[in-house]
PDB file of all heavy atoms in Angstrom:
ATOM      1  N   MET A   1     -79.028 127.534 -90.456  1.00  0.00           N
ATOM      2  CA  MET A   1     -78.748 127.443 -89.026  1.00  0.00           C
ATOM      3  C   MET A   1     -79.983 127.800 -88.209  1.00  0.00           C
ATOM      4  O   MET A   1     -80.324 127.120 -87.234  1.00  0.00           O
ATOM      5  CB  MET A   1     -77.586 128.363 -88.670  1.00  0.00           C
ATOM      6  CG  MET A   1     -77.184 128.319 -87.182  1.00  0.00           C
ATOM      7  SD  MET A   1     -78.166 129.410 -86.112  1.00  0.00           S
ATOM      8  CE  MET A   1     -77.573 131.014 -86.663  1.00  0.00           C
ATOM      9  N   LEU A   2     -80.683 128.871 -88.593  1.00  0.00           N
ATOM     10  CA  LEU A   2     -81.844 129.305 -87.836  1.00  0.00           C
ATOM     11  C   LEU A   2     -83.005 128.320 -87.953  1.00  0.00           C
ATOM     12  O   LEU A   2     -83.729 128.087 -86.976  1.00  0.00           O
ATOM     13  CB  LEU A   2     -82.285 130.694 -88.314  1.00  0.00           C
ATOM     14  CG  LEU A   2     -81.389 131.854 -87.879  1.00  0.00           C
ATOM     15  CD1 LEU A   2     -81.773 133.138 -88.608  1.00  0.00           C
ATOM     16  CD2 LEU A   2     -81.461 132.062 -86.368  1.00  0.00           C
ATOM     17  N   VAL A   3     -83.210 127.735 -89.137  1.00  0.00           N
ATOM     18  CA  VAL A   3     -84.275 126.735 -89.283  1.00  0.00           C
ATOM     19  C   VAL A   3     -83.942 125.499 -88.444  1.00  0.00           C
ATOM     20  O   VAL A   3     -84.811 124.941 -87.767  1.00  0.00           O
ATOM     21  CB  VAL A   3     -84.487 126.363 -90.760  1.00  0.00           C
ATOM     22  CG1 VAL A   3     -85.501 125.222 -90.881  1.00  0.00           C
ATOM     23  CG2 VAL A   3     -84.974 127.566 -91.557  1.00  0.00           C
ATOM     24  N   THR A   4     -82.673 125.075 -88.474  1.00  0.00           N
ATOM     25  CA  THR A   4     -82.257 123.926 -87.657  1.00  0.00           C
ATOM     26  C   THR A   4     -82.488 124.210 -86.182  1.00  0.00           C
ATOM     27  O   THR A   4     -82.998 123.363 -85.430  1.00  0.00           O
ATOM     28  CB  THR A   4     -80.778 123.603 -87.918  1.00  0.00           C
ATOM     29  OG1 THR A   4     -80.595 123.314 -89.304  1.00  0.00           O
ATOM     30  CG2 THR A   4     -80.333 122.405 -87.098  1.00  0.00           C
ATOM     31  N   GLN A   5     -82.115 125.405 -85.733  1.00  0.00           N
ATOM     32  CA  GLN A   5     -82.327 125.796 -84.343  1.00  0.00           C
ATOM     33  C   GLN A   5     -83.810 125.803 -83.991  1.00  0.00           C
ATOM     34  O   GLN A   5     -84.212 125.338 -82.914  1.00  0.00           O
ATOM     35  CB  GLN A   5     -81.739 127.193 -84.126  1.00  0.00           C
ATOM     36  CG  GLN A   5     -82.004 127.787 -82.753  1.00  0.00           C
ATOM     37  CD  GLN A   5     -81.443 129.188 -82.637  1.00  0.00           C
ATOM     38  OE1 GLN A   5     -80.381 129.401 -82.079  1.00  0.00           O
ATOM     39  NE2 GLN A   5     -82.153 130.162 -83.174  1.00  0.00           N
ATOM     40  N   ALA A   6     -84.637 126.312 -84.897  1.00  0.00           N
ATOM     41  CA  ALA A   6     -86.079 126.360 -84.644  1.00  0.00           C
ATOM     42  C   ALA A   6     -86.665 124.956 -84.506  1.00  0.00           C
ATOM     43  O   ALA A   6     -87.536 124.719 -83.663  1.00  0.00           O
ATOM     44  CB  ALA A   6     -86.777 127.120 -85.769  1.00  0.00           C
ATOM     45  N   VAL A   7     -86.197 124.025 -85.327  1.00  0.00           N
ATOM     46  CA  VAL A   7     -86.689 122.644 -85.246  1.00  0.00           C
ATOM     47  C   VAL A   7     -86.253 121.993 -83.938  1.00  0.00           C
ATOM     48  O   VAL A   7     -87.069 121.391 -83.220  1.00  0.00           O
ATOM     49  CB  VAL A   7     -86.205 121.831 -86.463  1.00  0.00           C
ATOM     50  CG1 VAL A   7     -86.521 120.350 -86.273  1.00  0.00           C
ATOM     51  CG2 VAL A   7     -86.852 122.344 -87.746  1.00  0.00           C
ATOM     52  N   THR A   8     -84.983 122.099 -83.598  1.00  0.00           N
ATOM     53  CA  THR A   8     -84.492 121.439 -82.389  1.00  0.00           C
ATOM     54  C   THR A   8     -85.089 122.056 -81.125  1.00  0.00           C
ATOM     55  O   THR A   8     -85.393 121.342 -80.167  1.00  0.00           O
ATOM     56  CB  THR A   8     -82.952 121.484 -82.329  1.00  0.00           C
ATOM     57  OG1 THR A   8     -82.511 122.851 -82.445  1.00  0.00           O
ATOM     58  CG2 THR A   8     -82.341 120.690 -83.459  1.00  0.00           C
ATOM     59  N   ASP A   9     -85.287 123.369 -81.117  1.00  0.00           N
ATOM     60  CA  ASP A   9     -85.908 123.997 -79.946  1.00  0.00           C
ATOM     61  C   ASP A   9     -87.312 123.463 -79.714  1.00  0.00           C
ATOM     62  O   ASP A   9     -87.774 123.378 -78.564  1.00  0.00           O
ATOM     63  CB  ASP A   9     -85.973 125.513 -80.131  1.00  0.00           C
ATOM     64  CG  ASP A   9     -84.647 126.202 -79.831  1.00  0.00           C
ATOM     65  OD1 ASP A   9     -83.727 125.523 -79.349  1.00  0.00           O
ATOM     66  OD2 ASP A   9     -84.547 127.417 -80.085  1.00  0.00           O
ATOM     67  N   ARG A  10     -87.999 123.106 -80.775  1.00  0.00           N
ATOM     68  CA  ARG A  10     -89.383 122.651 -80.649  1.00  0.00           C
ATOM     69  C   ARG A  10     -89.494 121.173 -80.315  1.00  0.00           C
ATOM     70  O   ARG A  10     -90.601 120.621 -80.296  1.00  0.00           O
ATOM     71  CB  ARG A  10     -90.160 123.004 -81.929  1.00  0.00           C
ATOM     72  CG  ARG A  10     -90.578 124.460 -81.918  1.00  0.00           C
ATOM     73  CD  ARG A  10     -90.814 125.072 -83.262  1.00  0.00           C
ATOM     74  NE  ARG A  10     -91.151 126.490 -83.112  1.00  0.00           N
ATOM     75  CZ  ARG A  10     -90.257 127.457 -82.847  1.00  0.00           C
ATOM     76  NH1 ARG A  10     -88.966 127.158 -82.718  1.00  0.00           N
ATOM     77  NH2 ARG A  10     -90.644 128.708 -82.688  1.00  0.00           N
ATOM     78  N   MET A  11     -88.359 120.555 -80.046  1.00  0.00           N
ATOM     79  CA  MET A  11     -88.368 119.180 -79.545  1.00  0.00           C
ATOM     80  C   MET A  11     -88.310 119.125 -78.020  1.00  0.00           C
ATOM     81  O   MET A  11     -88.437 118.048 -77.438  1.00  0.00           O
ATOM     82  CB  MET A  11     -87.178 118.405 -80.125  1.00  0.00           C
ATOM     83  CG  MET A  11     -87.242 118.232 -81.621  1.00  0.00           C
ATOM     84  SD  MET A  11     -85.793 117.352 -82.243  1.00  0.00           S
ATOM     85  CE  MET A  11     -86.160 117.325 -83.995  1.00  0.00           C
ATOM     86  N   ALA A  12     -88.135 120.272 -77.387  1.00  0.00           N
ATOM     87  CA  ALA A  12     -87.971 120.304 -75.934  1.00  0.00           C
ATOM     88  C   ALA A  12     -89.231 119.823 -75.230  1.00  0.00           C
ATOM     89  O   ALA A  12     -90.355 120.150 -75.621  1.00  0.00           O
ATOM     90  CB  ALA A  12     -87.632 121.724 -75.485  1.00  0.00           C
ATOM     91  N   GLY A  13     -89.038 119.015 -74.192  1.00  0.00           N
ATOM     92  CA  GLY A  13     -90.131 118.635 -73.316  1.00  0.00           C
ATOM     93  C   GLY A  13     -91.037 117.533 -73.823  1.00  0.00           C
ATOM     94  O   GLY A  13     -92.082 117.284 -73.227  1.00  0.00           O
ATOM     95  N   ALA A  14     -90.674 116.878 -74.916  1.00  0.00           N
ATOM     96  CA  ALA A  14     -91.518 115.804 -75.453  1.00  0.00           C
ATOM     97  C   ALA A  14     -90.641 114.671 -75.961  1.00  0.00           C
ATOM     98  O   ALA A  14     -89.446 114.855 -76.238  1.00  0.00           O
ATOM     99  CB  ALA A  14     -92.407 116.326 -76.578  1.00  0.00           C
ATOM    100  N   THR A  15     -91.238 113.495 -76.088  1.00  0.00           N
ATOM    101  CA  THR A  15     -90.499 112.326 -76.576  1.00  0.00           C
ATOM    102  C   THR A  15     -91.196 111.622 -77.731  1.00  0.00           C
ATOM    103  O   THR A  15     -90.608 110.746 -78.362  1.00  0.00           O
ATOM    104  CB  THR A  15     -90.292 111.311 -75.435  1.00  0.00           C
ATOM    105  OG1 THR A  15     -91.569 110.924 -74.916  1.00  0.00           O
ATOM    106  CG2 THR A  15     -89.453 111.910 -74.310  1.00  0.00           C
ATOM    107  N   SER A  16     -92.446 111.988 -78.002  1.00  0.00           N
ATOM    108  CA  SER A  16     -93.205 111.318 -79.065  1.00  0.00           C
ATOM    109  C   SER A  16     -93.679 112.359 -80.068  1.00  0.00           C
ATOM    110  O   SER A  16     -94.467 113.248 -79.724  1.00  0.00           O
ATOM    111  CB  SER A  16     -94.402 110.578 -78.466  1.00  0.00           C
ATOM    112  OG  SER A  16     -95.169 109.968 -79.475  1.00  0.00           O
ATOM    113  N   PHE A  17     -93.220 112.226 -81.329  1.00  0.00           N
ATOM    114  CA  PHE A  17     -93.445 113.256 -82.335  1.00  0.00           C
ATOM    115  C   PHE A  17     -94.122 112.693 -83.574  1.00  0.00           C
ATOM    116  O   PHE A  17     -94.018 111.506 -83.885  1.00  0.00           O
ATOM    117  CB  PHE A  17     -92.115 113.885 -82.759  1.00  0.00           C
ATOM    118  CG  PHE A  17     -91.429 114.672 -81.672  1.00  0.00           C
ATOM    119  CD1 PHE A  17     -90.621 114.027 -80.736  1.00  0.00           C
ATOM    120  CD2 PHE A  17     -91.598 116.037 -81.574  1.00  0.00           C
ATOM    121  CE1 PHE A  17     -90.003 114.739 -79.732  1.00  0.00           C
ATOM    122  CE2 PHE A  17     -90.983 116.760 -80.577  1.00  0.00           C
ATOM    123  CZ  PHE A  17     -90.184 116.114 -79.649  1.00  0.00           C
ATOM    124  N   ALA A  18     -94.768 113.598 -84.292  1.00  0.00           N
ATOM    125  CA  ALA A  18     -95.254 113.339 -85.648  1.00  0.00           C
ATOM    126  C   ALA A  18     -94.891 114.548 -86.493  1.00  0.00           C
ATOM    127  O   ALA A  18     -94.582 115.625 -85.968  1.00  0.00           O
ATOM    128  CB  ALA A  18     -96.762 113.105 -85.659  1.00  0.00           C
ATOM    129  N   VAL A  19     -94.914 114.381 -87.822  1.00  0.00           N
ATOM    130  CA  VAL A  19     -94.615 115.487 -88.730  1.00  0.00           C
ATOM    131  C   VAL A  19     -95.654 115.504 -89.839  1.00  0.00           C
ATOM    132  O   VAL A  19     -96.116 114.462 -90.297  1.00  0.00           O
ATOM    133  CB  VAL A  19     -93.202 115.367 -89.354  1.00  0.00           C
ATOM    134  CG1 VAL A  19     -92.122 115.587 -88.321  1.00  0.00           C
ATOM    135  CG2 VAL A  19     -93.017 114.035 -90.072  1.00  0.00           C
ATOM    136  N   HIS A  20     -96.032 116.703 -90.231  1.00  0.00           N
ATOM    137  CA  HIS A  20     -96.778 116.844 -91.479  1.00  0.00           C
ATOM    138  C   HIS A  20     -95.821 116.561 -92.630  1.00  0.00           C
ATOM    139  O   HIS A  20     -94.673 117.022 -92.613  1.00  0.00           O
ATOM    140  CB  HIS A  20     -97.338 118.257 -91.621  1.00  0.00           C
ATOM    141  CG  HIS A  20     -98.551 118.508 -90.785  1.00  0.00           C
ATOM    142  ND1 HIS A  20     -98.923 119.754 -90.340  1.00  0.00           N
ATOM    143  CD2 HIS A  20     -99.511 117.660 -90.308  1.00  0.00           C
ATOM    144  CE1 HIS A  20    -100.034 119.672 -89.647  1.00  0.00           C
ATOM    145  NE2 HIS A  20    -100.410 118.405 -89.603  1.00  0.00           N
ATOM    146  N   LEU A  21     -96.284 115.829 -93.613  1.00  0.00           N
ATOM    147  CA  LEU A  21     -95.421 115.464 -94.731  1.00  0.00           C
ATOM    148  C   LEU A  21     -96.245 115.515 -96.020  1.00  0.00           C
ATOM    149  O   LEU A  21     -96.645 114.505 -96.572  1.00  0.00           O
ATOM    150  CB  LEU A  21     -94.834 114.065 -94.519  1.00  0.00           C
ATOM    151  CG  LEU A  21     -93.482 113.773 -95.170  1.00  0.00           C
ATOM    152  CD1 LEU A  21     -92.417 114.732 -94.667  1.00  0.00           C
ATOM    153  CD2 LEU A  21     -93.056 112.336 -94.894  1.00  0.00           C
ATOM    154  N   SER A  22     -96.476 116.740 -96.468  1.00  0.00           N
ATOM    155  CA  SER A  22     -97.322 116.935 -97.644  1.00  0.00           C
ATOM    156  C   SER A  22     -96.577 116.714 -98.946  1.00  0.00           C
ATOM    157  O   SER A  22     -97.190 116.579-100.002  1.00  0.00           O
ATOM    158  CB  SER A  22     -97.887 118.352 -97.634  1.00  0.00           C
ATOM    159  OG  SER A  22     -96.848 119.302 -97.839  1.00  0.00           O
ATOM    160  N   GLY A  23     -95.247 116.707 -98.873  1.00  0.00           N
ATOM    161  CA  GLY A  23     -94.453 116.668-100.092  1.00  0.00           C
ATOM    162  C   GLY A  23     -94.074 118.054-100.573  1.00  0.00           C
ATOM    163  O   GLY A  23     -93.379 118.201-101.581  1.00  0.00           O
ATOM    164  N   GLY A  24     -94.519 119.089 -99.846  1.00  0.00           N
ATOM    165  CA  GLY A  24     -94.122 120.454-100.158  1.00  0.00           C
ATOM    166  C   GLY A  24     -92.789 120.793 -99.521  1.00  0.00           C
ATOM    167  O   GLY A  24     -92.250 120.044 -98.702  1.00  0.00           O
ATOM    168  N   LEU A  25     -92.264 121.956 -99.867  1.00  0.00           N
ATOM    169  CA  LEU A  25     -90.963 122.373 -99.359  1.00  0.00           C
ATOM    170  C   LEU A  25     -90.957 122.522 -97.836  1.00  0.00           C
ATOM    171  O   LEU A  25     -90.015 122.083 -97.164  1.00  0.00           O
ATOM    172  CB  LEU A  25     -90.561 123.697-100.000  1.00  0.00           C
ATOM    173  CG  LEU A  25     -89.825 123.645-101.335  1.00  0.00           C
ATOM    174  CD1 LEU A  25     -89.724 125.049-101.930  1.00  0.00           C
ATOM    175  CD2 LEU A  25     -88.433 123.059-101.162  1.00  0.00           C
ATOM    176  N   ASP A  26     -91.973 123.159 -97.279  1.00  0.00           N
ATOM    177  CA  ASP A  26     -91.959 123.516 -95.866  1.00  0.00           C
ATOM    178  C   ASP A  26     -91.939 122.286 -94.960  1.00  0.00           C
ATOM    179  O   ASP A  26     -91.048 122.116 -94.128  1.00  0.00           O
ATOM    180  CB  ASP A  26     -93.174 124.389 -95.540  1.00  0.00           C
ATOM    181  CG  ASP A  26     -93.207 125.653 -96.372  1.00  0.00           C
ATOM    182  OD1 ASP A  26     -92.129 126.159 -96.715  1.00  0.00           O
ATOM    183  OD2 ASP A  26     -94.309 126.134 -96.683  1.00  0.00           O
ATOM    184  N   SER A  27     -92.944 121.427 -95.120  1.00  0.00           N
ATOM    185  CA  SER A  27     -93.019 120.252 -94.253  1.00  0.00           C
ATOM    186  C   SER A  27     -91.851 119.305 -94.518  1.00  0.00           C
ATOM    187  O   SER A  27     -91.336 118.661 -93.585  1.00  0.00           O
ATOM    188  CB  SER A  27     -94.347 119.523 -94.455  1.00  0.00           C
ATOM    189  OG  SER A  27     -94.480 119.030 -95.777  1.00  0.00           O
ATOM    190  N   SER A  28     -91.407 119.220 -95.756  1.00  0.00           N
ATOM    191  CA  SER A  28     -90.306 118.307 -96.083  1.00  0.00           C
ATOM    192  C   SER A  28     -89.004 118.747 -95.426  1.00  0.00           C
ATOM    193  O   SER A  28     -88.239 117.924 -94.901  1.00  0.00           O
ATOM    194  CB  SER A  28     -90.123 118.227 -97.603  1.00  0.00           C
ATOM    195  OG  SER A  28     -91.283 117.698 -98.216  1.00  0.00           O
ATOM    196  N   LEU A  29     -88.721 120.056 -95.436  1.00  0.00           N
ATOM    197  CA  LEU A  29     -87.498 120.551 -94.817  1.00  0.00           C
ATOM    198  C   LEU A  29     -87.519 120.316 -93.311  1.00  0.00           C
ATOM    199  O   LEU A  29     -86.511 119.897 -92.725  1.00  0.00           O
ATOM    200  CB  LEU A  29     -87.317 122.036 -95.122  1.00  0.00           C
ATOM    201  CG  LEU A  29     -86.067 122.692 -94.513  1.00  0.00           C
ATOM    202  CD1 LEU A  29     -84.792 121.981 -94.965  1.00  0.00           C
ATOM    203  CD2 LEU A  29     -86.004 124.174 -94.869  1.00  0.00           C
ATOM    204  N   ILE A  30     -88.651 120.566 -92.681  1.00  0.00           N
ATOM    205  CA  ILE A  30     -88.751 120.323 -91.236  1.00  0.00           C
ATOM    206  C   ILE A  30     -88.501 118.847 -90.926  1.00  0.00           C
ATOM    207  O   ILE A  30     -87.754 118.504 -90.005  1.00  0.00           O
ATOM    208  CB  ILE A  30     -90.125 120.770 -90.723  1.00  0.00           C
ATOM    209  CG1 ILE A  30     -90.199 122.294 -90.745  1.00  0.00           C
ATOM    210  CG2 ILE A  30     -90.382 120.247 -89.315  1.00  0.00           C
ATOM    211  CD1 ILE A  30     -91.572 122.834 -90.510  1.00  0.00           C
TER     212      ILE A  30
END
């Protein structure tokens, strides 16, 4: 729940996004 909240909160105020996608756990979960 907290990780989901952290991700959605960081979408505020923007419309165009990119993600790091290294294939590791951290970037993949985000």
